C-alpha cells in the first residue's frame, strides 16, 4: 500500500481499523501508531520524476478465504 500523503495513508489505515469511533485513549494510541509506522520514501515514476510516497514500515498481512458450494449437491473438485 502506497499513498501520496500521510493524511491519505492515515485515513486508509483508519478505515481498516474499524468504522466505529475511537475512545480518546484508542485515538491517542492510533495516532501514535500511525506516526511511528508510516514512513515517507522517495519514489520514481515512469517519467523519472521523484515523488514522495508514504508506506508502512512493515508488510501488512492480507488474509482471505474463499468459501463456495454447489447448489445441485455435486462435489467441488
Protein backbone atom coordinates (compact mmCIF):
# COMPACT_ATOMS: atom_id res chain seq x y z
CA UNK A 1 0.00 0.00 0.00
CA UNK A 2 1.45 3.28 -1.12
CA UNK A 3 -0.02 6.71 -0.52
CA UNK A 4 0.73 10.18 -1.79
CA UNK A 5 0.36 11.82 1.63
CA UNK A 6 0.41 10.98 5.30
CA UNK A 7 -3.24 12.02 5.59
CA UNK A 8 -4.24 9.60 2.83
CA UNK A 9 -2.29 6.78 4.49
CA UNK A 10 -3.76 7.62 7.90
CA UNK A 11 -7.33 7.62 6.53
CA UNK A 12 -6.89 4.26 4.83
CA UNK A 13 -5.42 2.65 7.94
CA UNK A 14 -8.25 4.12 9.99
CA UNK A 15 -10.76 2.57 7.57
CA UNK A 16 -9.12 -0.81 8.07
CA UNK A 17 -9.10 -0.46 11.85
CA UNK A 18 -12.87 -0.23 12.34
CA UNK A 19 -15.77 2.02 11.41
CA UNK A 20 -16.85 2.85 14.98
CA UNK A 21 -15.47 5.97 16.64
CA UNK A 22 -12.41 5.51 18.84
CA UNK A 23 -12.38 6.32 22.51
CA UNK A 24 -9.97 9.10 23.49
CA UNK A 25 -7.39 6.51 24.58
CA UNK A 26 -7.78 4.47 21.38
CA UNK A 27 -7.41 7.64 19.30
CA UNK A 28 -4.16 8.59 21.08
CA UNK A 29 -2.79 5.07 20.58
CA UNK A 30 -3.84 5.00 16.93
CA UNK A 31 -2.28 8.41 16.24
CA UNK A 32 0.98 7.33 17.88
CA UNK A 33 0.96 4.06 15.93
CA UNK A 34 0.41 5.82 12.60
CA UNK A 35 3.13 8.38 13.34
CA UNK A 36 5.56 5.61 14.27
CA UNK A 37 4.87 3.20 11.40
CA UNK A 38 4.20 5.36 8.32
CA UNK A 39 7.42 6.41 6.64
CA UNK A 40 7.99 8.70 3.69
CA UNK A 41 10.23 7.46 0.92
CA UNK A 42 11.21 8.77 -2.49
CA UNK A 43 9.57 7.04 -5.45
CA UNK A 44 10.41 7.36 -9.11
CA UNK A 45 7.51 7.10 -11.53
CA UNK A 46 7.62 6.25 -15.25
CA UNK A 47 8.54 9.84 -16.14
CA UNK A 48 11.56 9.56 -13.82
CA UNK A 49 10.18 12.26 -11.56
CA UNK A 50 10.98 11.84 -7.90
CA UNK A 51 7.87 11.91 -5.78
CA UNK A 52 7.35 11.04 -2.17
CA UNK A 53 5.16 8.18 -1.07
CA UNK A 54 4.01 7.04 2.33
CA UNK A 55 4.19 3.38 3.24
CA UNK A 56 4.02 1.24 6.35
CA UNK A 57 7.41 0.24 7.72
CA UNK A 58 6.32 -3.41 7.74
CA UNK A 59 4.39 -5.75 5.46
CA UNK A 60 0.68 -5.70 6.19
CA UNK A 61 -0.53 -9.30 6.22
CA UNK A 62 -3.52 -9.96 3.99
CA UNK A 63 -5.61 -12.99 4.85
CA UNK A 64 -8.61 -14.18 2.90
CA UNK A 65 -10.62 -17.33 2.44
CA UNK A 66 -12.91 -18.47 -0.35
CA UNK A 67 -15.95 -20.45 0.71
CA UNK A 68 -18.05 -21.97 -2.03
CA UNK A 69 -20.59 -24.68 -2.55
CA UNK A 70 -22.63 -26.17 -5.29
CA UNK A 71 -26.37 -25.90 -5.02
CA UNK A 72 -27.02 -29.08 -7.01
CA UNK A 73 -25.40 -31.35 -4.39
CA UNK A 74 -22.40 -32.37 -6.53
CA UNK A 75 -18.84 -32.29 -5.18
CA UNK A 76 -16.48 -29.42 -5.82
CA UNK A 77 -13.29 -30.83 -7.31
